[in-house]
């Protein structure tokens, strides 16, 4: 590896520019000239008639190439109008004289920019053209695709046409041909992909194929959990997270119903108010993300409650201790998927539920706690965000092997309900005296009404008893940070 800084003289028209890469940023002066435009979809390709000192972080550099015209082309994805704004694709073209020197500079910079990361990945892209009020196709064509191309990535593209299409694709996919499966949709396609992978006879290998999430639906919980409130809806930031990310291990929850039904959940398992908001508001999809807030307020004000029997195996039920554990986790080194061992049984090529099925008797020595009451909602989750402005489970971690269980009791009252609803926007609702927030190993819920809604990752689920158990690190998602965005108040970064 060459020593820093890596310097190269180039030209923009008649103006000489020095490109300097110091291992952390690439920087150069931009003279007051019209920079040649190169179309990358409909995205901005660089500044025109402007000047300034341009700086791009290592993680923001997508590619450096030498064109057929022997020009040096630099593609980057970075915030252009403030750190809270969406990143944009910028492409700069420089004239160079010494091709051998330029080629060596390019190689040295790219080797560092992609250190520990495969450059030019090949993706299986799934676009749900019906997602995000029908905007997912446009999101792919106008924003995501140009970024993947600029980064030198290749892909095989499929537009999903029917329910469970993504599941069918994942179940039959030649997984050796791809570096990751990328969804341009909401969380429903990711749910299908995960269950398709876990149904395969080679699931012990297939589940190791990383997933990537580009927000293109009305609910983008995984994207918000990875990128945070400010960038969770930003397509360019999500693509950058996929192109420059590494495989982060993520827990899955197995869900059993009846004597034979079994599937996997990566987001949330909801009963009561949250399920009603999620599934009972589908006629309001035209409102986008606002439908969740609108529906939730109505349910809280109605003070509706839902009878059920709830059983769970607690790991921690003190919110202050949960907060301390969360902060301790944030201070620990990141663990990547290639550093972990999963829970797939090597002999049987399957996953063993340690606490049995929903139809099995509860074993006393497992430590089950059983309650029977009316609740406003009971929601288990593995992601902190449900959607924009909804940090329902702020202490949720990607790979702690536990489920975050949120319980709203029957006697909330309208005033407390409104306070809690406001608190969900930032996650502080978990500290409200009427809210219970637990870390559990497993839970079982048995509805007492004849009909209603149960939602698993936003999907309709039969209104019948179900049992949920966490399994550590069964899948992985591409992430630059290696952990979810900070979602619980207090403590370090």
Protein backbone atom coordinates (compact mmCIF):
# COMPACT_ATOMS: atom_id res chain seq x y z
CA UNK A 1 0.00 0.00 0.00
CA UNK A 2 1.40 3.37 -1.04
CA UNK A 3 1.95 5.97 1.66
CA UNK A 4 -0.44 8.87 2.19
CA UNK A 5 -1.16 11.41 0.91
CA UNK A 6 -1.77 10.05 -2.58
CA UNK A 7 -1.42 12.99 -4.96
CA UNK A 8 -2.27 13.38 -8.62
CA UNK A 9 -2.19 16.40 -10.89
CA UNK A 10 -5.08 16.70 -13.33
CA UNK A 11 -6.88 19.33 -15.35
CA UNK A 12 -10.39 20.69 -15.61
CA UNK A 13 -10.24 22.41 -18.95
CA UNK A 14 -7.31 24.80 -18.77
CA UNK A 15 -7.16 24.73 -14.98
CA UNK A 16 -4.77 22.49 -13.09
CA UNK A 17 -6.21 20.63 -10.10
CA UNK A 18 -4.42 18.55 -7.49
CA UNK A 19 -6.31 15.47 -6.29
CA UNK A 20 -5.24 14.49 -2.78
CA UNK A 21 -6.34 11.39 -0.88
CA UNK A 22 -5.08 11.07 2.71
CA UNK A 23 -6.77 7.81 3.69
CA UNK A 24 -9.81 9.57 5.12
CA UNK A 25 -10.92 12.08 2.49
CA UNK A 26 -10.41 12.91 -1.17
CA UNK A 27 -10.13 16.61 -1.76
CA UNK A 28 -9.50 19.04 -4.59
CA UNK A 29 -10.08 22.67 -5.57
CA UNK A 30 -12.91 23.32 -8.00
CA UNK A 31 -12.18 26.37 -10.18
CA UNK A 32 -14.86 28.69 -11.51
CA UNK A 33 -15.42 26.85 -14.75
CA UNK A 34 -18.26 25.00 -16.36
CA UNK A 35 -17.64 21.37 -15.36
CA UNK A 36 -18.57 18.98 -18.13
CA UNK A 37 -21.90 17.29 -17.40
CA UNK A 38 -22.29 13.59 -17.69
CA UNK A 39 -25.80 12.35 -17.27
CA UNK A 40 -26.40 9.68 -14.64
CA UNK A 41 -30.12 9.17 -14.89
CA UNK A 42 -31.75 12.40 -13.80
CA UNK A 43 -29.43 12.98 -10.87
CA UNK A 44 -27.08 15.94 -10.55
CA UNK A 45 -23.68 14.99 -11.95
CA UNK A 46 -21.57 17.70 -10.42
CA UNK A 47 -21.52 21.44 -9.93
CA UNK A 48 -21.56 23.95 -12.74
CA UNK A 49 -20.17 27.48 -12.81
CA UNK A 50 -19.16 27.21 -9.17
CA UNK A 51 -16.00 27.13 -7.13
CA UNK A 52 -14.92 25.67 -3.84
CA UNK A 53 -12.84 23.11 -2.03
CA UNK A 54 -14.51 19.74 -2.52
CA UNK A 55 -14.08 17.02 0.09
CA UNK A 56 -15.42 13.46 -0.07
CA UNK A 57 -15.08 10.97 2.76
CA UNK A 58 -13.68 7.53 2.00
CA UNK A 59 -17.09 5.92 2.44
CA UNK A 60 -18.65 8.37 -0.03
CA UNK A 61 -16.36 7.45 -2.94
CA UNK A 62 -18.19 5.04 -5.23
CA UNK A 63 -15.74 4.56 -8.05
CA UNK A 64 -12.72 5.93 -9.91
CA UNK A 65 -12.32 4.92 -13.54
CA UNK A 66 -10.38 5.81 -16.67
CA UNK A 67 -12.59 6.40 -19.68
CA UNK A 68 -11.92 5.39 -23.26
CA UNK A 69 -10.96 9.00 -23.87
CA UNK A 70 -8.25 8.60 -21.20
CA UNK A 71 -10.06 10.87 -18.76
CA UNK A 72 -10.18 10.23 -15.02
CA UNK A 73 -13.76 9.87 -13.79
CA UNK A 74 -14.60 10.09 -10.07
CA UNK A 75 -18.07 9.15 -8.82
CA UNK A 76 -19.15 9.95 -5.27
CA UNK A 77 -22.36 9.90 -3.26
CA UNK A 78 -22.40 12.61 -0.60
CA UNK A 79 -24.66 15.22 1.01
CA UNK A 80 -24.39 18.38 -1.06
CA UNK A 81 -26.69 20.70 0.86
CA UNK A 82 -26.04 19.74 4.50
CA UNK A 83 -25.41 16.55 6.44
CA UNK A 84 -29.12 16.01 7.16
CA UNK A 85 -30.07 16.20 3.49
CA UNK A 86 -30.16 13.26 1.12
CA UNK A 87 -26.87 12.37 -0.51
CA UNK A 88 -26.61 12.85 -4.26
CA UNK A 89 -24.55 11.33 -7.03
CA UNK A 90 -21.75 13.57 -8.26
CA UNK A 91 -19.47 12.71 -11.16
CA UNK A 92 -16.30 14.64 -11.98
CA UNK A 93 -14.24 14.20 -15.14
CA UNK A 94 -10.58 15.25 -15.20
CA UNK A 95 -8.07 15.36 -18.02
CA UNK A 96 -4.78 13.62 -17.27
CA UNK A 97 -1.45 13.39 -19.10
CA UNK A 98 0.39 10.48 -17.51
CA UNK A 99 -1.87 7.42 -17.84
CA UNK A 100 0.52 5.08 -16.04
CA UNK A 101 0.75 7.41 -13.05
CA UNK A 102 -3.01 7.98 -13.11
CA UNK A 103 -3.72 4.26 -13.25
CA UNK A 104 -1.48 3.61 -10.25
CA UNK A 105 -3.10 6.46 -8.27
CA UNK A 106 -6.55 5.09 -9.10
CA UNK A 107 -5.55 1.59 -8.00
CA UNK A 108 -4.02 2.79 -4.74
CA UNK A 109 -7.04 4.93 -3.82
CA UNK A 110 -9.61 2.27 -4.70
CA UNK A 111 -7.70 -0.40 -2.78
CA UNK A 112 -8.08 1.73 0.33
CA UNK A 113 -11.63 2.94 -0.40
CA UNK A 114 -12.80 -0.68 -0.73
CA UNK A 115 -10.52 -2.20 1.88
CA UNK A 116 -12.32 -5.23 3.34
CA UNK A 117 -15.27 -4.71 0.96
CA UNK A 118 -15.85 -6.36 -2.40
CA UNK A 119 -15.89 -3.81 -5.20
CA UNK A 120 -18.25 -4.22 -8.13
CA UNK A 121 -20.73 -6.48 -6.40
CA UNK A 122 -23.39 -8.38 -8.32
CA UNK A 123 -26.90 -8.03 -6.87
CA UNK A 124 -30.28 -9.64 -7.31
CA UNK A 125 -32.60 -6.62 -7.34
CA UNK A 126 -36.29 -7.01 -6.53
CA UNK A 127 -38.49 -3.99 -7.23
CA UNK A 128 -42.10 -3.98 -6.13
CA UNK A 129 -43.76 -1.60 -8.64
CA UNK A 130 -46.81 -1.37 -6.37
CA UNK A 131 -44.79 -0.31 -3.31
CA UNK A 132 -44.69 3.19 -1.86
CA UNK A 133 -47.95 4.35 -3.45
CA UNK A 134 -46.62 3.03 -6.75
CA UNK A 135 -43.37 5.03 -6.62
CA UNK A 136 -40.88 2.16 -6.23
CA UNK A 137 -40.33 1.74 -9.98
CA UNK A 138 -39.53 5.43 -10.36
CA UNK A 139 -37.27 5.32 -7.28
CA UNK A 140 -35.31 2.50 -8.88
CA UNK A 141 -35.02 4.03 -12.34
CA UNK A 142 -34.35 7.64 -11.35
CA UNK A 143 -32.22 7.33 -8.22
CA UNK A 144 -31.09 3.84 -7.23
CA UNK A 145 -30.07 2.37 -10.60
CA UNK A 146 -27.75 5.27 -11.60
CA UNK A 147 -25.95 4.95 -8.26
CA UNK A 148 -25.40 1.20 -8.62
CA UNK A 149 -24.07 1.77 -12.14
CA UNK A 150 -21.80 4.61 -11.04
CA UNK A 151 -20.33 2.32 -8.37
CA UNK A 152 -19.48 -0.29 -11.00
CA UNK A 153 -22.00 -2.77 -9.61
CA UNK A 154 -23.95 -5.18 -11.78
CA UNK A 155 -27.37 -6.66 -11.15
CA UNK A 156 -30.16 -8.92 -12.28
CA UNK A 157 -33.47 -7.07 -12.01
CA UNK A 158 -36.95 -8.48 -11.42
CA UNK A 159 -40.17 -6.52 -10.96
CA UNK A 160 -42.41 -8.49 -8.62
CA UNK A 161 -45.86 -9.15 -10.04
CA UNK A 162 -47.85 -10.87 -7.31
CA UNK A 163 -47.92 -11.64 -3.62
CA UNK A 164 -45.21 -14.10 -2.57
CA UNK A 165 -43.34 -13.53 -5.85
CA UNK A 166 -40.25 -12.41 -3.91
CA UNK A 167 -40.55 -15.50 -1.71
CA UNK A 168 -40.67 -17.75 -4.77
CA UNK A 169 -37.60 -16.05 -6.24
CA UNK A 170 -35.58 -16.36 -3.03
CA UNK A 171 -36.57 -20.01 -2.66
CA UNK A 172 -35.35 -20.90 -6.18
CA UNK A 173 -32.47 -18.44 -6.59
CA UNK A 174 -28.96 -19.53 -7.56
CA UNK A 175 -27.44 -17.94 -4.48
CA UNK A 176 -23.87 -18.56 -5.67
CA UNK A 177 -24.40 -16.06 -8.46
CA UNK A 178 -25.03 -13.03 -6.21
CA UNK A 179 -23.36 -11.03 -3.47
CA UNK A 180 -26.68 -9.90 -1.96
CA UNK A 181 -30.42 -9.63 -2.52
CA UNK A 182 -31.64 -6.03 -2.63
CA UNK A 183 -35.25 -5.00 -2.14
CA UNK A 184 -36.62 -1.74 -3.55
CA UNK A 185 -39.92 -1.74 -1.72
CA UNK A 186 -41.32 -1.72 1.79
CA UNK A 187 -40.64 -4.36 4.42
CA UNK A 188 -43.07 -6.89 2.93
CA UNK A 189 -40.66 -7.95 0.18
CA UNK A 190 -37.87 -8.45 2.73
CA UNK A 191 -40.22 -10.60 4.81
CA UNK A 192 -40.93 -12.73 1.73
CA UNK A 193 -37.25 -13.03 0.81
CA UNK A 194 -36.28 -14.17 4.31
CA UNK A 195 -38.98 -16.83 4.40
CA UNK A 196 -38.07 -17.98 0.90
CA UNK A 197 -34.43 -18.41 1.92
CA UNK A 198 -35.36 -20.27 5.11
CA UNK A 199 -37.58 -22.72 3.19
CA UNK A 200 -34.75 -23.87 0.95
CA UNK A 201 -33.18 -27.30 1.42
CA UNK A 202 -29.80 -25.53 1.48
CA UNK A 203 -30.97 -22.93 4.02
CA UNK A 204 -27.80 -23.54 6.02
CA UNK A 205 -25.92 -21.81 3.18
CA UNK A 206 -28.64 -19.64 1.67
CA UNK A 207 -29.41 -17.68 4.81
CA UNK A 208 -25.87 -16.30 4.74
CA UNK A 209 -26.62 -14.30 1.58
CA UNK A 210 -26.84 -10.66 2.80
CA UNK A 211 -29.88 -8.47 2.28
CA UNK A 212 -30.03 -4.83 1.24
CA UNK A 213 -32.94 -2.44 1.76
CA UNK A 214 -33.80 0.54 -0.46
CA UNK A 215 -36.85 2.40 0.92
CA UNK A 216 -39.70 2.15 -1.56
CA UNK A 217 -42.79 1.36 0.50
CA UNK A 218 -45.19 3.04 2.91
CA UNK A 219 -43.37 1.39 5.82
CA UNK A 220 -39.56 1.14 5.67
CA UNK A 221 -38.68 -0.08 9.14
CA UNK A 222 -35.39 -1.76 8.19
CA UNK A 223 -34.13 1.28 6.30
CA UNK A 224 -34.96 3.65 9.18
CA UNK A 225 -33.38 1.26 11.68
CA UNK A 226 -30.17 1.15 9.63
CA UNK A 227 -29.96 4.83 8.68
CA UNK A 228 -31.92 6.62 11.40
CA UNK A 229 -34.73 9.16 11.34
CA UNK A 230 -32.91 11.70 9.17
CA UNK A 231 -31.85 9.37 6.37
CA UNK A 232 -34.17 6.36 6.58
CA UNK A 233 -36.26 7.56 3.63
CA UNK A 234 -33.27 8.66 1.55
CA UNK A 235 -32.73 6.34 -1.39
CA UNK A 236 -29.17 7.47 -2.19
CA UNK A 237 -28.04 6.94 1.41
CA UNK A 238 -29.57 3.46 1.37
CA UNK A 239 -27.78 2.54 -1.86
CA UNK A 240 -24.48 3.80 -0.44
CA UNK A 241 -25.12 1.62 2.62
CA UNK A 242 -25.49 -1.37 0.30
CA UNK A 243 -22.54 -0.65 -1.99
CA UNK A 244 -20.10 0.14 0.83
CA UNK A 245 -21.62 -1.97 3.62
CA UNK A 246 -20.55 -5.28 5.14
CA UNK A 247 -22.74 -8.16 6.29
CA UNK A 248 -24.10 -7.44 9.78
CA UNK A 249 -25.66 -10.44 11.60
CA UNK A 250 -29.33 -9.98 12.42
CA UNK A 251 -31.61 -12.12 14.57
CA UNK A 252 -34.74 -13.77 13.23
CA UNK A 253 -37.83 -14.77 15.14
CA UNK A 254 -39.51 -18.09 14.41
CA UNK A 255 -43.30 -17.90 14.69
CA UNK A 256 -45.47 -20.97 15.17
CA UNK A 257 -49.24 -21.27 14.87
CA UNK A 258 -51.35 -24.42 15.16
CA UNK A 259 -49.71 -27.81 14.84
CA UNK A 260 -47.73 -27.18 11.67
CA UNK A 261 -47.52 -23.54 10.58
CA UNK A 262 -44.09 -21.98 11.04
CA UNK A 263 -42.49 -18.92 9.47
CA UNK A 264 -39.96 -16.22 10.29
CA UNK A 265 -40.28 -12.58 11.31
CA UNK A 266 -37.53 -9.96 11.17
CA UNK A 267 -39.46 -6.83 12.18
CA UNK A 268 -42.40 -7.04 14.59
CA UNK A 269 -45.14 -9.32 15.84
CA UNK A 270 -48.12 -7.24 16.85
CA UNK A 271 -51.50 -7.72 18.52
CA UNK A 272 -54.06 -5.12 19.51
CA UNK A 273 -53.73 -1.44 18.65
CA UNK A 274 -50.53 -1.68 16.59
CA UNK A 275 -51.89 -4.57 14.50
CA UNK A 276 -55.13 -2.68 13.95
CA UNK A 277 -53.18 0.42 12.90
CA UNK A 278 -50.99 -1.59 10.55
CA UNK A 279 -53.57 -3.81 8.87
CA UNK A 280 -56.79 -1.96 9.58
CA UNK A 281 -55.56 1.20 7.83
CA UNK A 282 -54.68 -0.33 4.45
CA UNK A 283 -57.56 1.58 2.89
CA UNK A 284 -55.58 4.73 3.78
CA UNK A 285 -52.43 3.77 1.83
CA UNK A 286 -52.91 6.89 -0.29
CA UNK A 287 -51.81 8.86 2.80
CA UNK A 288 -48.38 7.24 2.81
CA UNK A 289 -46.65 7.07 6.20
CA UNK A 290 -49.19 9.52 7.67
CA UNK A 291 -51.80 6.74 7.71
CA UNK A 292 -50.08 5.09 10.69
CA UNK A 293 -50.20 8.25 12.80
CA UNK A 294 -53.76 9.10 11.77
CA UNK A 295 -55.03 5.62 12.58
CA UNK A 296 -53.08 5.31 15.85
CA UNK A 297 -54.51 8.55 17.24
CA UNK A 298 -58.02 7.34 16.53
CA UNK A 299 -57.44 4.01 18.24
CA UNK A 300 -55.86 5.61 21.31
CA UNK A 301 -58.72 8.04 21.72
CA UNK A 302 -61.25 5.20 21.44
CA UNK A 303 -59.45 3.41 24.32
CA UNK A 304 -60.03 0.06 22.66
CA UNK A 305 -58.64 -2.96 24.51
CA UNK A 306 -58.02 -6.56 23.49
CA UNK A 307 -58.30 -9.60 25.80
CA UNK A 308 -55.61 -12.27 25.59
CA UNK A 309 -53.41 -14.65 27.56
CA UNK A 310 -49.79 -13.61 27.42
CA UNK A 311 -46.84 -15.79 28.41
CA UNK A 312 -43.19 -14.81 28.14
CA UNK A 313 -39.70 -15.79 29.31
CA UNK A 314 -38.15 -12.61 30.71
CA UNK A 315 -34.49 -11.71 30.32
CA UNK A 316 -34.84 -8.17 31.73
CA UNK A 317 -37.91 -6.16 32.77
CA UNK A 318 -36.33 -3.06 34.33
CA UNK A 319 -36.27 -0.22 31.80
CA UNK A 320 -33.31 1.50 33.47
CA UNK A 321 -31.24 -1.68 33.25
CA UNK A 322 -32.33 -2.16 29.65
CA UNK A 323 -31.11 1.36 28.94
CA UNK A 324 -27.78 0.63 30.63
CA UNK A 325 -27.37 -2.57 28.62
CA UNK A 326 -28.18 -0.68 25.45
CA UNK A 327 -25.47 1.89 26.14
CA UNK A 328 -22.98 -0.84 26.99
CA UNK A 329 -23.76 -2.52 23.66
CA UNK A 330 -23.20 0.76 21.80
CA UNK A 331 -19.71 0.97 23.29
CA UNK A 332 -18.68 -2.54 22.27
CA UNK A 333 -16.78 -3.28 19.05
CA UNK A 334 -18.93 -4.09 16.03
CA UNK A 335 -19.29 -7.80 15.21
CA UNK A 336 -19.70 -8.73 11.54
CA UNK A 337 -21.44 -11.80 10.14
CA UNK A 338 -18.19 -13.57 9.24
CA UNK A 339 -17.17 -13.41 12.92
CA UNK A 340 -20.26 -15.22 14.25
CA UNK A 341 -21.69 -18.73 14.43
CA UNK A 342 -25.38 -19.18 13.67
CA UNK A 343 -27.95 -21.44 15.31
CA UNK A 344 -28.69 -23.73 12.38
CA UNK A 345 -28.36 -27.35 13.46
CA UNK A 346 -25.47 -28.81 11.43
CA UNK A 347 -26.92 -32.33 11.38
CA UNK A 348 -30.58 -31.65 10.70
CA UNK A 349 -30.05 -28.53 8.55
CA UNK A 350 -32.84 -26.78 10.37
CA UNK A 351 -33.59 -24.54 13.32
CA UNK A 352 -34.63 -26.03 16.63
CA UNK A 353 -37.06 -23.99 18.73
CA UNK A 354 -35.75 -24.39 22.26
CA UNK A 355 -39.10 -23.54 23.84
CA UNK A 356 -41.30 -25.67 21.63
CA UNK A 357 -44.34 -24.74 19.55
CA UNK A 358 -47.42 -22.77 20.45
CA UNK A 359 -49.33 -26.06 20.73
CA UNK A 360 -46.90 -27.50 23.31
CA UNK A 361 -47.42 -27.19 27.07
CA UNK A 362 -45.33 -24.47 28.71
CA UNK A 363 -42.39 -25.95 30.60
CA UNK A 364 -42.10 -24.51 34.11
CA UNK A 365 -38.31 -24.82 34.21
CA UNK A 366 -38.04 -22.52 31.16
CA UNK A 367 -39.15 -19.64 33.38
CA UNK A 368 -42.45 -18.71 31.71
CA UNK A 369 -44.51 -15.89 33.24
CA UNK A 370 -48.22 -16.11 32.42
CA UNK A 371 -50.74 -13.24 32.48
CA UNK A 372 -54.37 -12.99 31.40
CA UNK A 373 -55.87 -9.53 30.92
CA UNK A 374 -57.08 -6.87 28.51
CA UNK A 375 -54.31 -4.90 26.81
CA UNK A 376 -54.24 -1.90 24.49
CA UNK A 377 -51.43 -3.57 22.55
CA UNK A 378 -48.74 -6.23 22.83
CA UNK A 379 -45.90 -6.01 20.31
CA UNK A 380 -42.67 -7.94 20.01
CA UNK A 381 -39.96 -6.53 17.74
CA UNK A 382 -36.40 -6.90 16.46
CA UNK A 383 -36.20 -3.42 14.91
CA UNK A 384 -36.31 -0.08 16.77
CA UNK A 385 -38.25 1.83 14.09
CA UNK A 386 -41.64 0.81 12.70
CA UNK A 387 -41.70 3.72 10.25
CA UNK A 388 -40.71 7.37 10.08
CA UNK A 389 -41.56 9.04 13.39
CA UNK A 390 -42.29 5.72 15.12
CA UNK A 391 -39.46 4.45 17.33
CA UNK A 392 -41.63 1.82 18.97
CA UNK A 393 -38.84 -0.40 20.38
CA UNK A 394 -35.88 1.94 20.98
CA UNK A 395 -33.66 -0.64 22.75
CA UNK A 396 -33.95 -3.24 19.96
CA UNK A 397 -30.56 -4.53 18.85
CA UNK A 398 -29.75 -6.48 15.69
CA UNK A 399 -28.14 -9.52 17.30
CA UNK A 400 -28.68 -9.80 21.07
CA UNK A 401 -30.76 -13.00 20.74
CA UNK A 402 -33.73 -11.35 22.50
CA UNK A 403 -37.13 -9.93 21.57
CA UNK A 404 -38.14 -6.46 22.75
CA UNK A 405 -41.69 -6.74 24.10
CA UNK A 406 -43.82 -3.60 24.38
CA UNK A 407 -47.06 -3.72 26.41
CA UNK A 408 -49.70 -0.99 26.75
CA UNK A 409 -52.17 -1.83 29.57
CA UNK A 410 -55.94 -1.49 29.36
CA UNK A 411 -56.21 1.57 31.61
CA UNK A 412 -54.09 4.05 29.65
CA UNK A 413 -56.62 6.86 29.60
CA UNK A 414 -56.83 9.44 26.83
CA UNK A 415 -54.26 11.86 28.28
CA UNK A 416 -51.65 9.17 28.89
CA UNK A 417 -52.41 7.70 25.48
CA UNK A 418 -51.66 11.01 23.77
CA UNK A 419 -48.47 11.44 25.81
CA UNK A 420 -47.32 7.95 24.87
CA UNK A 421 -48.18 8.54 21.23
CA UNK A 422 -46.04 11.67 21.19
CA UNK A 423 -43.26 9.79 22.97
CA UNK A 424 -43.19 7.10 20.25
CA UNK A 425 -41.81 9.73 17.85
CA UNK A 426 -38.49 9.67 19.74
CA UNK A 427 -38.75 6.45 21.75
CA UNK A 428 -39.17 8.08 25.18
CA UNK A 429 -42.59 6.44 25.63
CA UNK A 430 -40.85 3.40 27.14
CA UNK A 431 -40.12 5.46 30.26
CA UNK A 432 -43.80 6.33 30.80
CA UNK A 433 -45.14 4.84 34.03
CA UNK A 434 -47.95 3.03 32.26
CA UNK A 435 -45.79 1.40 29.61
CA UNK A 436 -44.09 -1.96 30.12
CA UNK A 437 -40.97 -2.68 28.10
CA UNK A 438 -39.20 -6.01 28.46
CA UNK A 439 -36.43 -8.08 26.91
CA UNK A 440 -37.66 -11.65 26.48
CA UNK A 441 -36.35 -14.91 25.04
CA UNK A 442 -39.75 -15.97 23.75
CA UNK A 443 -43.44 -15.12 24.15
CA UNK A 444 -46.80 -16.71 23.46
CA UNK A 445 -50.05 -14.83 22.87
CA UNK A 446 -53.51 -16.37 22.80
CA UNK A 447 -56.33 -14.00 21.71
CA UNK A 448 -59.59 -14.33 23.61
CA UNK A 449 -61.81 -12.57 21.05
CA UNK A 450 -63.27 -14.41 18.08
CA UNK A 451 -61.79 -12.13 15.44
CA UNK A 452 -59.32 -9.30 14.99
CA UNK A 453 -55.91 -8.49 13.54
CA UNK A 454 -52.52 -10.09 14.09
CA UNK A 455 -49.64 -8.64 12.09
CA UNK A 456 -46.25 -10.22 11.43
CA UNK A 457 -43.88 -7.81 9.69
CA UNK A 458 -46.96 -6.01 8.38
CA UNK A 459 -48.42 -9.20 6.92
CA UNK A 460 -51.91 -10.54 7.71
CA UNK A 461 -51.66 -13.54 10.03
CA UNK A 462 -54.49 -15.87 11.15
CA UNK A 463 -56.22 -14.68 14.30
CA UNK A 464 -55.08 -17.58 16.45
CA UNK A 465 -52.55 -18.24 19.24
CA UNK A 466 -48.91 -17.78 18.22
CA UNK A 467 -45.50 -18.27 19.80
CA UNK A 468 -42.40 -16.26 18.96
CA UNK A 469 -38.78 -17.19 19.71
CA UNK A 470 -35.59 -15.30 18.88
CA UNK A 471 -32.72 -16.99 17.04
CA UNK A 472 -29.41 -15.18 16.98
CA UNK A 473 -27.79 -14.04 13.74
CA UNK A 474 -29.77 -16.16 11.29
CA UNK A 475 -29.57 -13.59 8.48
CA UNK A 476 -27.42 -10.59 7.66
CA UNK A 477 -28.04 -7.15 6.21
CA UNK A 478 -25.56 -4.83 4.53
CA UNK A 479 -24.52 -2.00 6.81
CA UNK A 480 -21.73 0.55 6.92
CA UNK A 481 -21.99 1.15 10.67
CA UNK A 482 -22.46 -2.47 11.75
CA UNK A 483 -25.26 -1.55 14.17
CA UNK A 484 -28.64 0.15 14.05
CA UNK A 485 -28.84 3.93 14.28
CA UNK A 486 -29.03 5.27 17.85
CA UNK A 487 -32.64 4.98 18.90
CA UNK A 488 -32.61 5.14 22.71
CA UNK A 489 -31.96 8.42 24.49
CA UNK A 490 -29.00 8.91 26.81
CA UNK A 491 -25.51 7.49 26.77
CA UNK A 492 -22.85 7.49 24.09
CA UNK A 493 -23.11 7.32 20.30
